[in-house]
């Protein structure tokens, strides 16, 4: 099947190609898991907590700052990483189905030689990602747990 030629499947095909770039976040989360003290898990197990309780009450709360770090990094990187696959695989086609914002900025600024419009779109994209990060911070209620308590 010609996924990149059909307008209904071209964007999911591009998204599928970017799924294979998630390895760095996994390494960061593994480092976060390594930083959780074994004493907490052992104490919970002695108190009779099961695996699910240990995960919900110890592992997940202590892993929250690492999860937020990966989320923030992925918000920033995902705004940029779609440019290369969209440019190389489809160049915005078919019928503008894969014309994502970074590709539109590139085409406007460098192919259309309208640098001011490209700079304005880049600034709007930058502010949008910043607002998403602030919104995530407000929804979660901080950057994670506080060591000073």
C-alpha atoms as a PDB file:
ATOM      1  CA  UNK A   1       0.000   0.000   0.000  1.00  0.00           C
ATOM      2  CA  UNK A   2       1.275   3.458  -0.868  1.00  0.00           C
ATOM      3  CA  UNK A   3       0.912   5.131   2.531  1.00  0.00           C
ATOM      4  CA  UNK A   4       2.714   8.341   1.619  1.00  0.00           C
ATOM      5  CA  UNK A   5       0.591   8.927  -1.492  1.00  0.00           C
ATOM      6  CA  UNK A   6      -2.813   8.688   0.193  1.00  0.00           C
ATOM      7  CA  UNK A   7      -3.789  11.912   2.046  1.00  0.00           C
ATOM      8  CA  UNK A   8      -5.571   9.966   4.801  1.00  0.00           C
ATOM      9  CA  UNK A   9      -2.586   7.765   5.682  1.00  0.00           C
ATOM     10  CA  UNK A  10       0.356  10.069   4.951  1.00  0.00           C
ATOM     11  CA  UNK A  11       0.360  11.887   8.318  1.00  0.00           C
ATOM     12  CA  UNK A  12      -0.001   8.673  10.385  1.00  0.00           C
ATOM     13  CA  UNK A  13       2.875   7.200   8.362  1.00  0.00           C
ATOM     14  CA  UNK A  14       5.049  10.197   9.282  1.00  0.00           C
ATOM     15  CA  UNK A  15       4.025   9.853  12.920  1.00  0.00           C
ATOM     16  CA  UNK A  16       4.932   6.164  12.796  1.00  0.00           C
ATOM     17  CA  UNK A  17       8.382   7.010  11.487  1.00  0.00           C
ATOM     18  CA  UNK A  18       9.029   9.337  14.439  1.00  0.00           C
ATOM     19  CA  UNK A  19       8.001   6.725  17.033  1.00  0.00           C
ATOM     20  CA  UNK A  20      11.421   5.127  16.714  1.00  0.00           C
ATOM     21  CA  UNK A  21      13.084   8.190  18.265  1.00  0.00           C
ATOM     22  CA  UNK A  22      11.876   7.507  21.825  1.00  0.00           C
ATOM     23  CA  UNK A  23      14.977   5.697  23.123  1.00  0.00           C
ATOM     24  CA  UNK A  24      16.495   8.707  24.877  1.00  0.00           C
ATOM     25  CA  UNK A  25      13.486   9.165  27.138  1.00  0.00           C
ATOM     26  CA  UNK A  26      13.683   5.523  28.140  1.00  0.00           C
ATOM     27  CA  UNK A  27      17.304   5.956  29.204  1.00  0.00           C
ATOM     28  CA  UNK A  28      16.377   8.987  31.318  1.00  0.00           C
ATOM     29  CA  UNK A  29      13.543   7.063  33.000  1.00  0.00           C
ATOM     30  CA  UNK A  30      15.839   4.129  33.688  1.00  0.00           C
ATOM     31  CA  UNK A  31      18.247   6.540  35.392  1.00  0.00           C
ATOM     32  CA  UNK A  32      15.331   7.832  37.443  1.00  0.00           C
ATOM     33  CA  UNK A  33      14.369   4.297  38.463  1.00  0.00           C
ATOM     34  CA  UNK A  34      17.960   3.683  39.500  1.00  0.00           C
ATOM     35  CA  UNK A  35      17.837   6.727  41.802  1.00  0.00           C
ATOM     36  CA  UNK A  36      14.872   5.420  43.837  1.00  0.00           C
ATOM     37  CA  UNK A  37      16.261   4.161  47.169  1.00  0.00           C
ATOM     38  CA  UNK A  38      15.840   0.421  47.673  1.00  0.00           C
ATOM     39  CA  UNK A  39      15.131   1.048  51.364  1.00  0.00           C
ATOM     40  CA  UNK A  40      11.737   2.568  50.513  1.00  0.00           C
ATOM     41  CA  UNK A  41      10.708  -0.431  48.441  1.00  0.00           C
ATOM     42  CA  UNK A  42      11.985  -2.877  51.063  1.00  0.00           C
ATOM     43  CA  UNK A  43      10.180  -1.050  53.874  1.00  0.00           C
ATOM     44  CA  UNK A  44       6.924  -1.086  51.920  1.00  0.00           C
ATOM     45  CA  UNK A  45       7.314  -4.787  51.181  1.00  0.00           C
ATOM     46  CA  UNK A  46       7.923  -5.513  54.878  1.00  0.00           C
ATOM     47  CA  UNK A  47       4.781  -3.537  55.716  1.00  0.00           C
ATOM     48  CA  UNK A  48       2.823  -5.829  53.386  1.00  0.00           C
ATOM     49  CA  UNK A  49       2.453  -3.642  50.295  1.00  0.00           C
ATOM     50  CA  UNK A  50       1.974  -5.469  47.025  1.00  0.00           C
ATOM     51  CA  UNK A  51       3.626  -4.644  43.731  1.00  0.00           C
ATOM     52  CA  UNK A  52       0.807  -2.352  42.622  1.00  0.00           C
ATOM     53  CA  UNK A  53       0.844  -0.435  45.928  1.00  0.00           C
ATOM     54  CA  UNK A  54       4.624  -0.058  45.775  1.00  0.00           C
ATOM     55  CA  UNK A  55       4.332   1.271  42.225  1.00  0.00           C
ATOM     56  CA  UNK A  56       1.499   3.712  43.024  1.00  0.00           C
ATOM     57  CA  UNK A  57       2.762   4.916  46.415  1.00  0.00           C
ATOM     58  CA  UNK A  58       6.548   4.878  46.022  1.00  0.00           C
ATOM     59  CA  UNK A  59       7.838   4.408  42.491  1.00  0.00           C
ATOM     60  CA  UNK A  60       5.489   6.742  40.613  1.00  0.00           C
ATOM     61  CA  UNK A  61       5.714   9.695  43.040  1.00  0.00           C
ATOM     62  CA  UNK A  62       9.519   9.456  43.174  1.00  0.00           C
ATOM     63  CA  UNK A  63       9.686   9.125  39.386  1.00  0.00           C
ATOM     64  CA  UNK A  64       7.483  12.196  38.795  1.00  0.00           C
ATOM     65  CA  UNK A  65      10.356  14.702  38.315  1.00  0.00           C
ATOM     66  CA  UNK A  66      11.940  12.377  35.761  1.00  0.00           C
ATOM     67  CA  UNK A  67       8.622  11.928  33.949  1.00  0.00           C
ATOM     68  CA  UNK A  68       8.192  15.706  33.845  1.00  0.00           C
ATOM     69  CA  UNK A  69      11.718  16.110  32.496  1.00  0.00           C
ATOM     70  CA  UNK A  70      11.001  13.651  29.685  1.00  0.00           C
ATOM     71  CA  UNK A  71       7.634  15.296  28.982  1.00  0.00           C
ATOM     72  CA  UNK A  72       9.148  18.785  28.752  1.00  0.00           C
ATOM     73  CA  UNK A  73      11.997  17.542  26.579  1.00  0.00           C
ATOM     74  CA  UNK A  74       9.599  15.723  24.277  1.00  0.00           C
ATOM     75  CA  UNK A  75       7.368  18.798  23.962  1.00  0.00           C
ATOM     76  CA  UNK A  76      10.353  20.849  22.854  1.00  0.00           C
ATOM     77  CA  UNK A  77      11.887  18.217  20.587  1.00  0.00           C
ATOM     78  CA  UNK A  78       8.632  17.134  18.952  1.00  0.00           C
ATOM     79  CA  UNK A  79       8.120  20.657  17.662  1.00  0.00           C
ATOM     80  CA  UNK A  80      11.332  20.228  15.656  1.00  0.00           C
ATOM     81  CA  UNK A  81      11.759  16.529  14.876  1.00  0.00           C
ATOM     82  CA  UNK A  82       8.921  16.283  12.374  1.00  0.00           C
ATOM     83  CA  UNK A  83      10.642  18.620   9.885  1.00  0.00           C
ATOM     84  CA  UNK A  84      13.115  16.153   8.413  1.00  0.00           C
ATOM     85  CA  UNK A  85      10.715  13.230   7.807  1.00  0.00           C
ATOM     86  CA  UNK A  86       8.062  15.568   6.376  1.00  0.00           C
ATOM     87  CA  UNK A  87      10.581  17.264   4.095  1.00  0.00           C
ATOM     88  CA  UNK A  88      12.323  14.118   2.897  1.00  0.00           C
ATOM     89  CA  UNK A  89       9.370  11.747   2.651  1.00  0.00           C
ATOM     90  CA  UNK A  90       6.505  13.914   1.349  1.00  0.00           C
ATOM     91  CA  UNK A  91       7.570  17.590   1.121  1.00  0.00           C
ATOM     92  CA  UNK A  92       4.179  18.548   2.549  1.00  0.00           C
ATOM     93  CA  UNK A  93       2.077  16.496   0.135  1.00  0.00           C
ATOM     94  CA  UNK A  94      -0.153  14.848  -0.901  1.00  0.00           C
ATOM     95  CA  UNK A  95      -2.628  17.723  -0.991  1.00  0.00           C
ATOM     96  CA  UNK A  96      -0.907  19.422   1.989  1.00  0.00           C
ATOM     97  CA  UNK A  97      -1.777  16.456   4.244  1.00  0.00           C
ATOM     98  CA  UNK A  98       1.683  16.465   5.837  1.00  0.00           C
ATOM     99  CA  UNK A  99       2.379  20.196   5.832  1.00  0.00           C
ATOM    100  CA  UNK A 100       3.362  20.532   9.482  1.00  0.00           C
ATOM    101  CA  UNK A 101       4.346  23.864  11.035  1.00  0.00           C
ATOM    102  CA  UNK A 102       8.152  23.395  10.941  1.00  0.00           C
ATOM    103  CA  UNK A 103       7.972  22.432   7.266  1.00  0.00           C
ATOM    104  CA  UNK A 104       5.737  25.410   6.514  1.00  0.00           C
ATOM    105  CA  UNK A 105       8.200  27.706   8.296  1.00  0.00           C
ATOM    106  CA  UNK A 106      11.068  26.233   6.267  1.00  0.00           C
ATOM    107  CA  UNK A 107       9.210  26.587   2.970  1.00  0.00           C
ATOM    108  CA  UNK A 108       8.115  30.135   3.748  1.00  0.00           C
ATOM    109  CA  UNK A 109      11.503  31.385   4.904  1.00  0.00           C
ATOM    110  CA  UNK A 110      13.956  29.556   2.679  1.00  0.00           C
ATOM    111  CA  UNK A 111      12.067  28.500  -0.429  1.00  0.00           C
ATOM    112  CA  UNK A 112       9.766  31.530  -0.593  1.00  0.00           C
ATOM    113  CA  UNK A 113      12.457  33.927   0.700  1.00  0.00           C
ATOM    114  CA  UNK A 114       9.994  35.524   3.141  1.00  0.00           C
ATOM    115  CA  UNK A 115      12.272  35.587   6.168  1.00  0.00           C
ATOM    116  CA  UNK A 116      10.116  37.927   8.243  1.00  0.00           C
ATOM    117  CA  UNK A 117       7.072  35.652   7.994  1.00  0.00           C
ATOM    118  CA  UNK A 118       9.209  32.630   8.801  1.00  0.00           C
ATOM    119  CA  UNK A 119      10.672  34.390  11.843  1.00  0.00           C
ATOM    120  CA  UNK A 120       7.188  35.381  13.037  1.00  0.00           C
ATOM    121  CA  UNK A 121       5.930  31.799  12.682  1.00  0.00           C
ATOM    122  CA  UNK A 122       8.997  30.540  14.549  1.00  0.00           C
ATOM    123  CA  UNK A 123       8.328  32.995  17.367  1.00  0.00           C
ATOM    124  CA  UNK A 124       4.675  31.887  17.589  1.00  0.00           C
ATOM    125  CA  UNK A 125       5.813  28.255  17.676  1.00  0.00           C
ATOM    126  CA  UNK A 126       8.368  29.048  20.400  1.00  0.00           C
ATOM    127  CA  UNK A 127       5.787  30.873  22.532  1.00  0.00           C
ATOM    128  CA  UNK A 128       3.254  28.043  22.034  1.00  0.00           C
ATOM    129  CA  UNK A 129       5.712  25.428  23.284  1.00  0.00           C
ATOM    130  CA  UNK A 130       6.565  27.671  26.241  1.00  0.00           C
ATOM    131  CA  UNK A 131       2.881  28.036  27.098  1.00  0.00           C
ATOM    132  CA  UNK A 132       2.457  24.249  26.936  1.00  0.00           C
ATOM    133  CA  UNK A 133       5.333  23.862  29.389  1.00  0.00           C
ATOM    134  CA  UNK A 134       3.847  26.447  31.768  1.00  0.00           C
ATOM    135  CA  UNK A 135       0.427  24.784  31.486  1.00  0.00           C
ATOM    136  CA  UNK A 136       1.965  21.408  32.297  1.00  0.00           C
ATOM    137  CA  UNK A 137       3.720  22.957  35.314  1.00  0.00           C
ATOM    138  CA  UNK A 138       0.442  24.423  36.553  1.00  0.00           C
ATOM    139  CA  UNK A 139      -1.549  21.221  35.994  1.00  0.00           C
ATOM    140  CA  UNK A 140       0.986  19.035  37.783  1.00  0.00           C
ATOM    141  CA  UNK A 141       1.522  21.557  40.578  1.00  0.00           C
ATOM    142  CA  UNK A 142       5.280  21.944  40.383  1.00  0.00           C
ATOM    143  CA  UNK A 143       8.303  20.188  39.037  1.00  0.00           C
ATOM    144  CA  UNK A 144       7.972  17.083  41.195  1.00  0.00           C
ATOM    145  CA  UNK A 145       8.662  16.277  44.805  1.00  0.00           C
ATOM    146  CA  UNK A 146      10.454  18.612  47.157  1.00  0.00           C
ATOM    147  CA  UNK A 147      13.549  17.399  49.001  1.00  0.00           C
ATOM    148  CA  UNK A 148      13.363  20.132  51.643  1.00  0.00           C
ATOM    149  CA  UNK A 149      10.364  18.601  53.433  1.00  0.00           C
END
